[in-house]
Protein backbone atom coordinates (compact mmCIF):
# COMPACT_ATOMS: atom_id res chain seq x y z
CA MET A 1 -23.45 1.67 -4.90
CA LYS A 2 -23.28 -0.72 -1.96
CA ILE A 3 -20.13 -2.73 -2.61
CA LEU A 4 -19.00 -5.80 -0.67
CA ILE A 5 -15.24 -6.38 -1.07
CA ALA A 6 -13.91 -9.88 -0.35
CA THR A 7 -10.16 -10.20 0.09
CA PRO A 8 -7.82 -13.04 1.15
CA ILE A 9 -5.36 -10.73 2.96
CA TYR A 10 -5.61 -7.38 4.70
CA PRO A 11 -3.14 -4.83 6.10
CA PRO A 12 -0.79 -4.90 7.93
CA GLU A 13 -0.04 -8.01 5.87
CA ILE A 14 2.03 -7.22 2.80
CA GLY A 15 0.77 -8.34 -0.58
CA GLY A 16 -1.09 -7.17 -3.65
CA PRO A 17 -4.70 -7.68 -2.46
CA ALA A 18 -4.01 -6.01 0.90
CA THR A 19 -2.33 -2.95 -0.60
CA TYR A 20 -4.91 -2.71 -3.38
CA THR A 21 -7.91 -3.00 -1.04
CA LYS A 22 -6.57 -0.22 1.17
CA GLU A 23 -6.00 2.23 -1.68
CA LEU A 24 -9.23 1.25 -3.48
CA SER A 25 -11.17 1.95 -0.29
CA ARG A 26 -9.59 5.40 -0.12
CA GLN A 27 -10.58 6.04 -3.73
CA LEU A 28 -14.20 4.85 -3.36
CA GLN A 29 -15.19 5.73 0.21
CA ASN A 30 -16.77 9.10 -0.60
CA LYS A 31 -18.85 7.78 -3.49
CA HIS A 32 -19.98 4.32 -2.37
CA LYS A 33 -20.87 2.36 0.75
CA LEU A 34 -18.07 -0.16 1.34
CA THR A 35 -18.04 -3.31 3.45
CA ILE A 36 -14.95 -5.53 3.52
CA VAL A 37 -14.76 -9.22 4.44
CA ALA A 38 -11.16 -10.28 4.98
CA TYR A 39 -9.07 -13.05 6.47
CA THR A 40 -7.29 -11.11 9.22
CA ASP A 41 -6.68 -11.06 12.96
CA VAL A 42 -6.40 -7.27 13.04
CA HIS A 43 -9.70 -5.39 13.31
CA ASP A 44 -8.67 -2.01 11.96
CA PRO A 45 -11.19 -0.80 9.35
CA PHE A 46 -10.18 1.81 6.81
CA PRO A 47 -11.90 5.22 7.17
CA GLY A 48 -15.39 5.15 5.71
CA THR A 49 -15.61 1.35 5.57
CA THR A 50 -17.01 -1.52 7.63
CA LEU A 51 -14.70 -4.49 8.23
CA VAL A 52 -15.75 -8.06 9.00
CA ALA A 53 -12.64 -9.98 10.07
CA ILE A 54 -12.37 -13.76 9.69
CA SER A 55 -9.63 -15.09 11.98
CA LYS A 56 -6.69 -16.78 10.29
CA GLN A 57 -6.10 -18.92 13.39
CA GLU A 58 -8.99 -21.26 12.58
CA PRO A 59 -8.50 -24.48 10.57
CA LEU A 60 -8.96 -23.94 6.81
CA PRO A 61 -12.44 -25.55 6.52
CA ILE A 62 -13.73 -23.43 9.42
CA ARG A 63 -12.25 -20.26 7.92
CA LEU A 64 -13.89 -20.95 4.56
CA LEU A 65 -17.24 -21.66 6.22
CA LYS A 66 -17.12 -18.46 8.30
CA PHE A 67 -16.12 -16.44 5.24
CA PHE A 68 -19.01 -17.94 3.27
CA LEU A 69 -21.52 -17.20 6.04
CA ALA A 70 -20.29 -13.62 6.42
CA VAL A 71 -20.53 -12.96 2.68
CA PHE A 72 -23.93 -14.68 2.50
CA LYS A 73 -25.33 -12.44 5.24
CA LEU A 74 -23.77 -9.19 4.01
CA SER A 75 -24.63 -9.79 0.36
CA ARG A 76 -28.31 -9.19 1.11
CA GLU A 77 -27.62 -5.46 1.49
CA ALA A 78 -24.99 -5.24 -1.26
CA ASP A 79 -25.49 -4.37 -4.92
CA LEU A 80 -22.57 -6.58 -5.90
CA ILE A 81 -19.46 -8.33 -4.58
CA TYR A 82 -15.92 -7.47 -5.67
CA VAL A 83 -13.59 -10.38 -4.90
CA GLN A 84 -9.79 -10.26 -4.91
CA ASN A 85 -8.80 -13.82 -5.81
CA ALA A 86 -10.30 -17.03 -7.16
CA MET A 87 -9.60 -19.41 -4.27
CA ALA A 88 -9.66 -18.39 -0.58
CA ALA A 89 -12.06 -15.49 -1.20
CA GLY A 90 -13.41 -16.48 -4.61
CA LEU A 91 -14.74 -19.93 -3.70
CA PRO A 92 -16.99 -18.74 -0.82
CA VAL A 93 -18.22 -15.84 -2.97
CA ALA A 94 -19.01 -18.14 -5.91
CA LEU A 95 -20.99 -20.41 -3.57
CA VAL A 96 -22.96 -17.40 -2.32
CA ASN A 97 -23.65 -16.51 -5.96
CA LEU A 98 -24.83 -20.07 -6.59
CA PHE A 99 -27.42 -19.80 -3.79
CA THR A 100 -28.46 -16.15 -4.13
CA GLY A 101 -27.59 -15.06 -7.66
CA LYS A 102 -25.78 -12.00 -6.27
CA PRO A 103 -23.46 -10.80 -9.07
CA PHE A 104 -19.74 -10.66 -8.42
CA VAL A 105 -16.75 -9.18 -10.20
CA LEU A 106 -13.50 -11.08 -9.76
CA LYS A 107 -10.04 -9.51 -9.94
CA PHE A 108 -7.69 -12.18 -11.32
CA VAL A 109 -3.99 -11.34 -11.13
CA GLY A 110 -2.37 -14.77 -11.16
CA ASP A 111 -3.00 -18.50 -11.49
CA GLU A 112 -2.74 -20.00 -8.00
CA ALA A 113 -2.60 -23.60 -9.24
CA TRP A 114 0.46 -22.85 -11.37
CA GLU A 115 2.07 -20.85 -8.58
CA ARG A 116 1.64 -23.74 -6.15
CA ALA A 117 3.01 -26.28 -8.64
CA THR A 118 6.02 -24.08 -9.33
CA GLN A 119 6.69 -23.38 -5.66
CA HIS A 120 6.63 -27.10 -4.85
CA HIS A 121 8.89 -27.87 -7.83
CA LEU A 122 6.16 -29.90 -9.52
CA THR A 123 6.62 -28.05 -12.81
CA GLU A 124 9.22 -25.93 -14.56
CA LYS A 125 6.81 -24.78 -17.24
CA ARG A 126 5.81 -21.19 -17.80
CA LEU A 127 2.16 -20.38 -17.18
CA GLU A 128 0.96 -20.67 -20.78
CA GLU A 129 2.75 -24.03 -21.20
CA PHE A 130 1.38 -25.30 -17.89
CA LEU A 131 -2.19 -24.37 -18.77
CA GLU A 132 -1.92 -26.25 -22.07
CA ALA A 133 -0.53 -29.40 -20.38
CA PRO A 134 -0.84 -29.17 -16.57
CA GLU A 135 1.66 -30.90 -14.30
CA GLY A 136 1.45 -31.60 -10.59
CA ASN A 137 -0.36 -33.71 -8.02
CA TRP A 138 -4.04 -34.07 -7.24
CA LYS A 139 -4.04 -30.83 -5.22
CA THR A 140 -2.88 -28.87 -8.25
CA LYS A 141 -5.57 -30.41 -10.43
CA ALA A 142 -8.23 -29.78 -7.77
CA MET A 143 -7.18 -26.14 -7.55
CA MET A 144 -7.49 -25.79 -11.32
CA MET A 145 -11.00 -27.26 -11.24
CA VAL A 146 -12.11 -24.93 -8.43
CA GLN A 147 -10.44 -21.91 -9.99
CA GLY A 148 -12.07 -22.58 -13.35
CA TRP A 149 -15.52 -22.99 -11.81
CA VAL A 150 -15.19 -19.74 -9.86
CA LEU A 151 -13.95 -17.82 -12.91
CA ARG A 152 -16.85 -19.03 -15.04
CA ARG A 153 -19.43 -18.06 -12.39
CA ALA A 154 -18.17 -14.48 -12.18
CA LYS A 155 -20.26 -11.90 -14.01
CA ILE A 156 -17.02 -10.18 -15.01
CA VAL A 157 -13.37 -11.16 -14.55
CA THR A 158 -10.95 -8.25 -14.58
CA THR A 159 -7.30 -8.86 -15.34
CA PRO A 160 -4.35 -6.44 -15.19
CA SER A 161 -3.11 -7.43 -18.65
CA LEU A 162 -4.28 -8.57 -22.04
CA TYR A 163 -1.99 -11.58 -21.65
CA LEU A 164 -3.83 -12.91 -18.57
CA SER A 165 -7.20 -12.21 -20.14
CA LYS A 166 -6.33 -14.35 -23.16
CA GLU A 167 -5.01 -17.17 -20.96
CA ILE A 168 -8.14 -17.51 -18.81
CA ILE A 169 -10.37 -17.45 -21.89
CA LYS A 170 -8.36 -20.23 -23.49
CA ALA A 171 -7.59 -22.38 -20.43
CA TYR A 172 -10.66 -21.96 -18.23
CA GLY A 173 -13.43 -21.29 -20.71
CA VAL A 174 -14.25 -17.78 -19.50
CA HIS A 175 -16.52 -16.06 -22.04
CA PRO A 176 -14.48 -13.46 -23.99
CA GLU A 177 -17.04 -10.74 -23.24
CA ARG A 178 -16.63 -11.36 -19.51
CA ALA A 179 -12.81 -11.21 -19.39
CA ILE A 180 -11.97 -7.52 -19.36
CA VAL A 181 -8.62 -5.79 -18.91
CA ASN A 182 -8.41 -3.04 -16.30
CA TYR A 183 -4.82 -1.99 -15.87
CA ASN A 184 -3.36 -1.64 -12.39
CA ALA A 185 -2.51 1.73 -10.93
CA ALA A 186 0.83 2.54 -9.35
CA ASP A 187 1.31 2.60 -5.60
CA ASP A 188 2.68 6.08 -4.95
CA THR A 189 0.84 6.76 -1.70
CA VAL A 190 4.11 6.91 0.27
CA LYS A 191 6.02 9.08 -2.18
CA ASN A 192 6.17 12.15 0.06
CA LEU A 193 8.83 10.91 2.48
CA PRO A 194 9.54 13.09 5.53
CA PHE A 195 13.25 12.97 4.71
CA GLY A 196 15.49 13.36 1.69
CA THR A 197 16.88 10.53 -0.43
CA THR A 198 20.03 10.28 -2.51
CA ARG A 199 20.76 7.89 -5.35
CA ILE A 200 23.62 5.56 -4.44
CA PRO A 201 25.82 5.10 -7.52
CA HIS A 202 25.76 1.57 -8.99
CA GLN A 203 23.20 0.26 -6.50
CA ILE A 204 20.69 -2.16 -8.06
CA ALA A 205 17.34 -2.73 -6.36
CA THR A 206 14.70 -5.40 -6.73
CA THR A 207 11.58 -6.12 -4.67
CA ALA A 208 9.75 -9.43 -4.92
CA ARG A 209 8.37 -12.42 -3.14
CA LEU A 210 11.30 -14.83 -3.09
CA VAL A 211 9.87 -17.54 -5.32
CA VAL A 212 11.44 -19.35 -8.25
CA TRP A 213 9.73 -17.43 -11.05
CA LYS A 214 10.94 -14.05 -9.78
CA GLY A 215 14.46 -14.92 -10.96
CA ILE A 216 16.39 -13.30 -8.11
CA ASP A 217 19.12 -15.91 -8.60
CA GLY A 218 19.63 -14.62 -12.14
CA ILE A 219 20.26 -11.08 -10.91
CA ILE A 220 22.77 -12.41 -8.37
CA ARG A 221 24.56 -14.37 -11.13
CA ALA A 222 24.71 -11.25 -13.31
CA LEU A 223 26.31 -9.14 -10.58
CA PRO A 224 29.89 -10.52 -10.92
CA LEU A 225 29.77 -9.70 -14.65
CA VAL A 226 28.76 -6.14 -13.82
CA GLN A 227 31.50 -5.92 -11.18
CA GLU A 228 34.16 -6.66 -13.79
CA LYS A 229 33.64 -3.05 -14.87
CA TYR A 230 31.92 -1.51 -11.83
CA LYS A 231 33.71 -2.85 -8.75
CA ASP A 232 31.35 -1.07 -6.37
CA ALA A 233 28.14 -2.44 -7.91
CA ARG A 234 25.83 -3.95 -5.34
CA LEU A 235 22.39 -5.54 -5.23
CA VAL A 236 19.74 -4.94 -2.57
CA VAL A 237 16.77 -7.33 -2.48
CA ALA A 238 13.57 -6.60 -0.54
CA GLY A 239 11.19 -9.48 0.08
CA ASP A 240 10.83 -12.84 1.75
CA GLY A 241 9.79 -16.28 0.59
CA PRO A 242 10.67 -19.96 0.20
CA GLU A 243 13.78 -19.32 -1.94
CA ILE A 244 15.63 -17.45 0.83
CA ASP A 245 17.91 -20.36 1.77
CA ASN A 246 18.81 -21.12 -1.86
CA LEU A 247 19.64 -17.46 -2.47
CA ASN A 248 21.85 -17.24 0.61
CA LYS A 249 23.66 -20.37 -0.53
CA LEU A 250 24.21 -18.89 -4.01
CA ILE A 251 25.55 -15.65 -2.53
CA LYS A 252 28.14 -17.61 -0.56
CA GLU A 253 29.08 -19.77 -3.55
CA LEU A 254 29.79 -16.64 -5.62
CA HIS A 255 31.54 -14.87 -2.70
CA LEU A 256 29.11 -11.95 -2.88
CA GLU A 257 28.43 -11.57 0.84
CA GLY A 258 29.68 -7.98 0.72
CA SER A 259 27.81 -7.08 -2.46
CA VAL A 260 24.31 -8.56 -2.05
CA THR A 261 21.94 -7.63 0.76
CA LEU A 262 18.72 -9.57 1.41
CA LEU A 263 16.57 -7.21 3.47
CA GLY A 264 13.67 -9.61 4.01
CA LYS A 265 10.15 -8.24 4.38
CA ILE A 266 10.13 -4.45 4.76
CA SER A 267 7.42 -1.79 4.88
CA ARG A 268 6.03 0.06 1.86
CA VAL A 269 7.78 3.24 3.01
CA GLU A 270 11.09 1.38 3.24
CA THR A 271 10.51 -0.19 -0.18
CA TRP A 272 9.88 3.25 -1.66
CA GLN A 273 13.03 4.56 0.01
CA LEU A 274 15.02 1.66 -1.48
CA ARG A 275 13.89 2.64 -4.97
CA LYS A 276 14.72 6.30 -4.38
CA ASN A 277 18.17 5.36 -3.03
CA SER A 278 19.07 3.05 -5.92
CA GLU A 279 20.29 3.83 -9.43
CA ILE A 280 18.56 0.98 -11.29
CA TYR A 281 15.59 -1.31 -10.67
CA VAL A 282 15.62 -4.87 -12.05
CA LEU A 283 12.70 -7.28 -12.52
CA ASN A 284 14.03 -10.65 -13.72
CA SER A 285 10.86 -12.76 -13.52
CA THR A 286 9.74 -15.46 -15.92
CA TYR A 287 6.05 -14.76 -15.19
CA GLU A 288 4.01 -11.63 -14.42
CA GLY A 289 0.33 -10.81 -14.84
CA LEU A 290 1.27 -7.17 -15.08
CA PRO A 291 4.07 -6.15 -12.70
CA HIS A 292 2.81 -3.65 -10.16
CA THR A 293 6.41 -3.25 -9.05
CA VAL A 294 7.35 -1.76 -12.45
CA LEU A 295 4.57 0.82 -12.16
CA THR A 296 5.83 1.78 -8.72
CA SER A 297 9.32 2.16 -10.18
CA PHE A 298 7.90 4.52 -12.82
CA ALA A 299 6.39 6.55 -9.98
CA ALA A 300 9.71 6.52 -8.09
CA GLU A 301 11.49 7.71 -11.24
CA ILE A 302 14.04 4.89 -11.28
CA PRO A 303 15.10 3.40 -14.66
CA THR A 304 14.16 -0.25 -15.02
CA VAL A 305 15.51 -3.41 -16.64
CA ALA A 306 13.01 -6.26 -17.01
CA THR A 307 12.51 -9.55 -18.80
CA ASN A 308 10.73 -9.55 -22.14
CA ILE A 309 7.73 -11.64 -21.13
CA SER A 310 3.97 -11.33 -21.62
CA GLY A 311 2.43 -9.00 -19.06
CA THR A 312 5.64 -7.11 -18.37
CA ASN A 313 5.92 -5.96 -21.98
CA GLU A 314 2.53 -4.26 -21.66
CA ALA A 315 4.23 -1.72 -19.36
CA ILE A 316 7.88 -1.82 -20.40
CA TYR A 317 8.33 -0.79 -24.02
CA GLY A 318 11.89 -1.65 -25.02
CA GLU A 319 14.21 1.36 -25.18
CA LYS A 320 11.26 3.67 -24.39
CA THR A 321 10.06 3.05 -20.83
CA GLY A 322 12.71 0.51 -19.85
CA LEU A 323 15.18 -2.03 -21.16
CA LEU A 324 14.02 -5.57 -21.95
CA VAL A 325 16.17 -8.71 -21.91
CA GLU A 326 15.28 -12.30 -22.70
CA PRO A 327 14.55 -14.53 -19.68
CA GLY A 328 17.54 -16.57 -18.53
CA ASP A 329 20.12 -14.52 -20.45
CA THR A 330 22.56 -13.53 -17.70
CA GLN A 331 24.97 -11.85 -20.11
CA ALA A 332 22.21 -9.68 -21.60
CA LEU A 333 20.98 -8.73 -18.13
CA ALA A 334 24.46 -7.67 -17.04
CA HIS A 335 24.93 -5.72 -20.28
CA ALA A 336 21.61 -3.86 -19.83
CA ILE A 337 22.53 -2.91 -16.26
CA MET A 338 25.91 -1.58 -17.41
CA ARG A 339 24.27 0.37 -20.24
CA LEU A 340 22.17 2.23 -17.72
CA PHE A 341 25.13 2.84 -15.43
CA GLU A 342 27.04 4.32 -18.37
CA ASP A 343 24.35 6.36 -20.12
CA LYS A 344 22.79 9.16 -18.07
CA ALA A 345 20.78 10.43 -21.04
CA LEU A 346 19.24 6.96 -21.51
CA ARG A 347 18.35 6.77 -17.82
CA GLU A 348 16.68 10.17 -17.96
CA ARG A 349 14.75 9.35 -21.14
CA LEU A 350 13.38 6.11 -19.68
CA VAL A 351 12.27 7.92 -16.51
CA VAL A 352 10.49 10.68 -18.45
CA ASN A 353 8.70 8.17 -20.70
CA GLY A 354 7.80 5.90 -17.79
CA THR A 355 6.29 8.78 -15.84
CA LYS A 356 4.29 9.86 -18.89
CA LEU A 357 2.97 6.33 -19.49
CA LEU A 358 2.02 6.04 -15.84
CA LYS A 359 -0.22 9.10 -16.05
CA GLU A 360 -1.76 8.09 -19.38
CA LYS A 361 -2.38 4.38 -18.82
CA PHE A 362 -1.86 3.36 -15.19
CA SER A 363 -3.46 6.08 -13.06
CA TRP A 364 -5.87 5.45 -10.19
CA GLU A 365 -8.32 7.83 -11.84
CA ALA A 366 -8.49 5.64 -14.96
CA HIS A 367 -8.56 2.40 -12.95
CA VAL A 368 -11.46 3.51 -10.76
CA ARG A 369 -13.41 4.98 -13.67
CA ASN A 370 -13.14 1.69 -15.58
CA LEU A 371 -13.95 -0.36 -12.48
CA GLU A 372 -17.12 1.59 -11.73
CA GLY A 373 -18.22 1.02 -15.32
CA LEU A 374 -17.66 -2.72 -14.88
CA PHE A 375 -19.65 -2.69 -11.65
CA ARG A 376 -22.60 -1.08 -13.45
CA LEU A 377 -22.28 -3.63 -16.24
CA ALA A 378 -22.26 -6.51 -13.73
CA MET A 379 -25.45 -5.25 -12.07
CA ARG A 380 -27.31 -4.87 -15.36
CA LYS A 381 -30.26 -7.22 -15.66
CA PRO A 382 -30.39 -9.53 -18.71
CA GLY A 383 -32.05 -7.83 -21.67
CA LYS A 384 -31.37 -4.31 -20.40
């Protein structure tokens, strides 16, 4: 197949679409002809691919126009377009589809309107509550309108979880037969480190964009409770984002300067090393499509504590592949962390089960096989 991939970010930028596009290209390059259109100022195509770079230095309207024109031109030679979000890449692709009829498959991993409203403190609702009764300003409402239009124009919308699939059907009117789950695959491409790693006793790791719904503040608040029994317990956080100042303030208020380390943005190799050096991984978010970070923790063989929310509980099965706690329950989070510190057999059982689930349900082989089937389905002519 001749596949045109449209992505809003591209390596060396860090983020889901960038990492995914790189590994997907590696998986597909020997079987398909790949062309990538990306917002990037680095012209460094992956092996076996052609890259068309749209500069991020241009004003937004100019960027969107250039992206649209690039996709419009390249789509003539493509069998279909595979787009990595519904806004910055999805809108130009949907417009190309409007003019040319070129089919596109859209990978939807999160609602950008809700994320923006949450980041700007325009809503405190969880995604499902927000979609039922949206809050925010005119920009939020405009984003929802655009996002819905793009989703409905897609021949197929893939989601990483059943939860997200149900939400876009209900909130945006996507036809149920077009919203199809294709589970993510774990990022283990850096697992063969050129040096050894050692687990640091009672070190807790988390990696996330520092935004409100990731709940990093909740992990920080749980740490003093853990330290009542484990004095040497410490938390290491990898990631950057708008909550950085609030988190630093909280660390000072709780006098945890010597126990909490905010690493900021680090490389994938360093993130992998952090997992391998830590005893427990914690994901304390109030929203996830399906947490890629949990799959990576399975691959890194680190036991995980996570919140019992839709999306996450499609990968973490309580007491089997990880421990689940209710969102906002600091006491329960601290207790779960201490359980794992105390119980080596439990840690080992969770790791074994997580690794097994990863191979059965979240492998790249399964993801690519399903995706190629969806591509063929998207290219099928009506009545065939």
